[in-house]
Amino acid sequence: MKRISILMGACAALAACGMSNSAGAKPAAICTAMLGGDAEVEADLAEKDKTVADYCACYATALDQQSTDDRAAILKVTQVLADARKEQNLSLKAAGNLIDNAEGGTALDVSEAEFQTAGEYVETIREQLIVDDGLCAGAGAS
């Protein structure tokens, strides 16, 4: 099995666990709920001299560059993750460990393709945070 990032694994695992989707939140707020307060994520970002606010500013800005379908998938899975962290008081690492017990996203009508799209997106943003002229170049945390 190929290695999955903590974010991608957690997104897939939590979506498969039957968490509800909250409607109406803005992308940066959803992102902050997904990542904020997770010591491992914050430490990983700090190693790159970045914060959750930096990541989420880029996440929200770059989301506009995605296709309508990809944007919907990313927001859907990210919201599921944010809801699960709040409702079950989970870290991303703990949520990632749930993937072994997951039976797919059918309980939430989240497809494997949506899992993959969201996972690839969150990992792309993580990688682009340190690229001076990359996706995150114009996204400032505010």
C-alpha atoms as a PDB file:
ATOM      1  CA  MET A   1       0.000   0.000   0.000  1.00  0.00           C
ATOM      2  CA  LYS A   2       1.453   3.341  -0.935  1.00  0.00           C
ATOM      3  CA  ARG A   3       2.131   5.827   1.801  1.00  0.00           C
ATOM      4  CA  ILE A   4      -0.627   8.339   2.419  1.00  0.00           C
ATOM      5  CA  SER A   5      -0.062  11.717   4.029  1.00  0.00           C
ATOM      6  CA  ILE A   6      -1.657  12.321   7.401  1.00  0.00           C
ATOM      7  CA  LEU A   7      -4.067  14.826   5.887  1.00  0.00           C
ATOM      8  CA  MET A   8      -5.132  12.610   3.020  1.00  0.00           C
ATOM      9  CA  GLY A   9      -5.532   9.580   5.274  1.00  0.00           C
ATOM     10  CA  ALA A  10      -7.463  11.532   7.832  1.00  0.00           C
ATOM     11  CA  CYS A  11      -9.787  13.025   5.228  1.00  0.00           C
ATOM     12  CA  ALA A  12     -10.578   9.613   3.831  1.00  0.00           C
ATOM     13  CA  ALA A  13     -10.926   7.933   7.189  1.00  0.00           C
ATOM     14  CA  LEU A  14     -13.165  10.530   8.732  1.00  0.00           C
ATOM     15  CA  ALA A  15     -15.410  10.818   5.734  1.00  0.00           C
ATOM     16  CA  ALA A  16     -15.881   7.078   5.953  1.00  0.00           C
ATOM     17  CA  CYS A  17     -16.840   7.289   9.624  1.00  0.00           C
ATOM     18  CA  GLY A  18     -20.213   8.874   9.068  1.00  0.00           C
ATOM     19  CA  MET A  19     -19.592  12.476  10.062  1.00  0.00           C
ATOM     20  CA  SER A  20     -22.128  15.062   8.944  1.00  0.00           C
ATOM     21  CA  ASN A  21     -21.393  17.960   6.626  1.00  0.00           C
ATOM     22  CA  SER A  22     -21.944  21.470   7.991  1.00  0.00           C
ATOM     23  CA  ALA A  23     -23.195  23.919   5.424  1.00  0.00           C
ATOM     24  CA  GLY A  24     -22.382  27.563   4.947  1.00  0.00           C
ATOM     25  CA  ALA A  25     -18.826  27.840   6.259  1.00  0.00           C
ATOM     26  CA  LYS A  26     -16.193  29.712   4.275  1.00  0.00           C
ATOM     27  CA  PRO A  27     -13.227  27.734   2.901  1.00  0.00           C
ATOM     28  CA  ALA A  28     -10.640  29.376   5.178  1.00  0.00           C
ATOM     29  CA  ALA A  29     -12.841  28.707   8.216  1.00  0.00           C
ATOM     30  CA  ILE A  30     -13.347  25.072   7.207  1.00  0.00           C
ATOM     31  CA  CYS A  31      -9.599  24.712   6.711  1.00  0.00           C
ATOM     32  CA  THR A  32      -8.878  26.272  10.102  1.00  0.00           C
ATOM     33  CA  ALA A  33     -11.340  23.897  11.771  1.00  0.00           C
ATOM     34  CA  MET A  34      -9.680  20.983   9.969  1.00  0.00           C
ATOM     35  CA  LEU A  35      -6.128  21.882  11.040  1.00  0.00           C
ATOM     36  CA  GLY A  36      -6.272  24.267  13.980  1.00  0.00           C
ATOM     37  CA  GLY A  37      -5.175  22.978  17.350  1.00  0.00           C
ATOM     38  CA  ASP A  38      -3.480  19.862  15.998  1.00  0.00           C
ATOM     39  CA  ALA A  39       0.021  19.915  17.497  1.00  0.00           C
ATOM     40  CA  GLU A  40       1.522  17.636  14.840  1.00  0.00           C
ATOM     41  CA  VAL A  41       0.168  19.706  11.947  1.00  0.00           C
ATOM     42  CA  GLU A  42       1.223  22.950  13.600  1.00  0.00           C
ATOM     43  CA  ALA A  43       4.741  21.578  14.203  1.00  0.00           C
ATOM     44  CA  ASP A  44       4.991  20.394  10.592  1.00  0.00           C
ATOM     45  CA  LEU A  45       3.998  23.824   9.335  1.00  0.00           C
ATOM     46  CA  ALA A  46       6.338  25.568  11.794  1.00  0.00           C
ATOM     47  CA  GLU A  47       9.257  23.587  10.333  1.00  0.00           C
ATOM     48  CA  LYS A  48       8.499  25.468   7.116  1.00  0.00           C
ATOM     49  CA  ASP A  49       8.122  28.766   9.020  1.00  0.00           C
ATOM     50  CA  LYS A  50       4.381  28.666   8.301  1.00  0.00           C
ATOM     51  CA  THR A  51       1.204  28.598  10.374  1.00  0.00           C
ATOM     52  CA  VAL A  52      -2.277  27.165  10.040  1.00  0.00           C
ATOM     53  CA  ALA A  53      -3.360  30.684   9.023  1.00  0.00           C
ATOM     54  CA  ASP A  54      -0.765  30.681   6.203  1.00  0.00           C
ATOM     55  CA  TYR A  55      -1.889  27.248   5.030  1.00  0.00           C
ATOM     56  CA  CYS A  56      -5.576  28.153   5.140  1.00  0.00           C
ATOM     57  CA  ALA A  57      -5.060  31.447   3.317  1.00  0.00           C
ATOM     58  CA  CYS A  58      -3.420  29.530   0.485  1.00  0.00           C
ATOM     59  CA  TYR A  59      -6.048  26.779   0.676  1.00  0.00           C
ATOM     60  CA  ALA A  60      -8.864  29.310   0.245  1.00  0.00           C
ATOM     61  CA  THR A  61      -7.119  31.301  -2.505  1.00  0.00           C
ATOM     62  CA  ALA A  62      -6.044  28.293  -4.571  1.00  0.00           C
ATOM     63  CA  LEU A  63      -9.484  26.704  -4.284  1.00  0.00           C
ATOM     64  CA  ASP A  64     -10.776  29.222  -6.821  1.00  0.00           C
ATOM     65  CA  GLN A  65      -8.400  27.708  -9.388  1.00  0.00           C
ATOM     66  CA  GLN A  66      -9.982  24.258  -9.099  1.00  0.00           C
ATOM     67  CA  SER A  67     -12.721  22.936 -11.341  1.00  0.00           C
ATOM     68  CA  THR A  68     -16.255  23.155  -9.990  1.00  0.00           C
ATOM     69  CA  ASP A  69     -16.353  19.403  -9.343  1.00  0.00           C
ATOM     70  CA  ASP A  70     -12.945  19.324  -7.651  1.00  0.00           C
ATOM     71  CA  ARG A  71     -13.811  22.343  -5.528  1.00  0.00           C
ATOM     72  CA  ALA A  72     -17.025  20.668  -4.370  1.00  0.00           C
ATOM     73  CA  ALA A  73     -15.178  17.448  -3.519  1.00  0.00           C
ATOM     74  CA  ILE A  74     -12.433  19.291  -1.637  1.00  0.00           C
ATOM     75  CA  LEU A  75     -14.896  21.336   0.389  1.00  0.00           C
ATOM     76  CA  LYS A  76     -17.076  18.315   1.115  1.00  0.00           C
ATOM     77  CA  VAL A  77     -14.273  16.124   2.429  1.00  0.00           C
ATOM     78  CA  THR A  78     -12.579  18.990   4.279  1.00  0.00           C
ATOM     79  CA  GLN A  79     -15.853  19.849   6.012  1.00  0.00           C
ATOM     80  CA  VAL A  80     -16.346  16.225   7.020  1.00  0.00           C
ATOM     81  CA  LEU A  81     -12.876  16.247   8.533  1.00  0.00           C
ATOM     82  CA  ALA A  82     -13.468  19.532  10.364  1.00  0.00           C
ATOM     83  CA  ASP A  83     -16.776  18.265  11.753  1.00  0.00           C
ATOM     84  CA  ALA A  84     -15.208  15.007  12.904  1.00  0.00           C
ATOM     85  CA  ARG A  85     -12.329  16.746  14.671  1.00  0.00           C
ATOM     86  CA  LYS A  86     -14.819  18.914  16.525  1.00  0.00           C
ATOM     87  CA  GLU A  87     -17.420  16.244  17.270  1.00  0.00           C
ATOM     88  CA  GLN A  88     -14.991  13.487  18.265  1.00  0.00           C
ATOM     89  CA  ASN A  89     -12.122  15.641  19.571  1.00  0.00           C
ATOM     90  CA  LEU A  90      -9.643  13.953  17.223  1.00  0.00           C
ATOM     91  CA  SER A  91      -6.186  14.875  16.059  1.00  0.00           C
ATOM     92  CA  LEU A  92      -5.412  14.296  12.412  1.00  0.00           C
ATOM     93  CA  LYS A  93      -3.044  11.488  13.365  1.00  0.00           C
ATOM     94  CA  ALA A  94      -5.729   9.738  15.399  1.00  0.00           C
ATOM     95  CA  ALA A  95      -8.172  10.238  12.552  1.00  0.00           C
ATOM     96  CA  GLY A  96      -5.625   8.833  10.094  1.00  0.00           C
ATOM     97  CA  ASN A  97      -5.391   5.701  12.205  1.00  0.00           C
ATOM     98  CA  LEU A  98      -9.109   5.161  11.596  1.00  0.00           C
ATOM     99  CA  ILE A  99      -8.446   4.473   7.919  1.00  0.00           C
ATOM    100  CA  ASP A 100      -7.627   0.860   8.708  1.00  0.00           C
ATOM    101  CA  ASN A 101     -11.160   0.404  10.005  1.00  0.00           C
ATOM    102  CA  ALA A 102     -12.888   2.454   7.308  1.00  0.00           C
ATOM    103  CA  GLU A 103     -15.173   0.747   4.843  1.00  0.00           C
ATOM    104  CA  GLY A 104     -15.308   3.592   2.351  1.00  0.00           C
ATOM    105  CA  GLY A 105     -17.310   6.774   2.278  1.00  0.00           C
ATOM    106  CA  THR A 106     -20.656   5.330   1.350  1.00  0.00           C
ATOM    107  CA  ALA A 107     -22.280   6.387   4.639  1.00  0.00           C
ATOM    108  CA  LEU A 108     -21.735  10.008   3.628  1.00  0.00           C
ATOM    109  CA  ASP A 109     -22.012   9.522  -0.089  1.00  0.00           C
ATOM    110  CA  VAL A 110     -18.332  10.455  -0.381  1.00  0.00           C
ATOM    111  CA  SER A 111     -16.636   8.629  -3.208  1.00  0.00           C
ATOM    112  CA  GLU A 112     -13.095   7.336  -3.422  1.00  0.00           C
ATOM    113  CA  ALA A 113     -12.493   9.928  -6.148  1.00  0.00           C
ATOM    114  CA  GLU A 114     -13.575  12.706  -3.765  1.00  0.00           C
ATOM    115  CA  PHE A 115     -11.213  11.329  -1.110  1.00  0.00           C
ATOM    116  CA  GLN A 116      -8.362  11.317  -3.604  1.00  0.00           C
ATOM    117  CA  THR A 117      -9.124  14.785  -4.966  1.00  0.00           C
ATOM    118  CA  ALA A 118      -9.243  16.322  -1.482  1.00  0.00           C
ATOM    119  CA  GLY A 119      -6.142  14.478  -0.326  1.00  0.00           C
ATOM    120  CA  GLU A 120      -4.138  15.549  -3.340  1.00  0.00           C
ATOM    121  CA  TYR A 121      -5.274  19.137  -2.892  1.00  0.00           C
ATOM    122  CA  VAL A 122      -4.340  19.417   0.789  1.00  0.00           C
ATOM    123  CA  GLU A 123      -0.956  17.872   0.057  1.00  0.00           C
ATOM    124  CA  THR A 124      -0.390  20.217  -2.903  1.00  0.00           C
ATOM    125  CA  ILE A 125      -1.091  23.224  -0.683  1.00  0.00           C
ATOM    126  CA  ARG A 126       1.319  21.883   1.939  1.00  0.00           C
ATOM    127  CA  GLU A 127       4.046  21.547  -0.699  1.00  0.00           C
ATOM    128  CA  GLN A 128       3.293  24.925  -2.308  1.00  0.00           C
ATOM    129  CA  LEU A 129       3.571  26.846   0.972  1.00  0.00           C
ATOM    130  CA  ILE A 130       7.341  27.042   0.599  1.00  0.00           C
ATOM    131  CA  VAL A 131       7.491  27.803  -3.132  1.00  0.00           C
ATOM    132  CA  ASP A 132       8.120  31.532  -3.560  1.00  0.00           C
ATOM    133  CA  ASP A 133       6.252  31.810  -6.856  1.00  0.00           C
ATOM    134  CA  GLY A 134       3.855  28.889  -6.361  1.00  0.00           C
ATOM    135  CA  LEU A 135       0.121  28.716  -5.666  1.00  0.00           C
ATOM    136  CA  CYS A 136       0.550  30.350  -2.273  1.00  0.00           C
ATOM    137  CA  ALA A 137       2.638  33.327  -3.395  1.00  0.00           C
ATOM    138  CA  GLY A 138      -0.300  35.749  -3.391  1.00  0.00           C
ATOM    139  CA  ALA A 139      -2.126  34.251  -0.431  1.00  0.00           C
ATOM    140  CA  GLY A 140      -1.397  36.052   2.775  1.00  0.00           C
ATOM    141  CA  ALA A 141      -2.763  35.081   6.150  1.00  0.00           C
ATOM    142  CA  SER A 142      -5.007  37.754   7.510  1.00  0.00           C
END
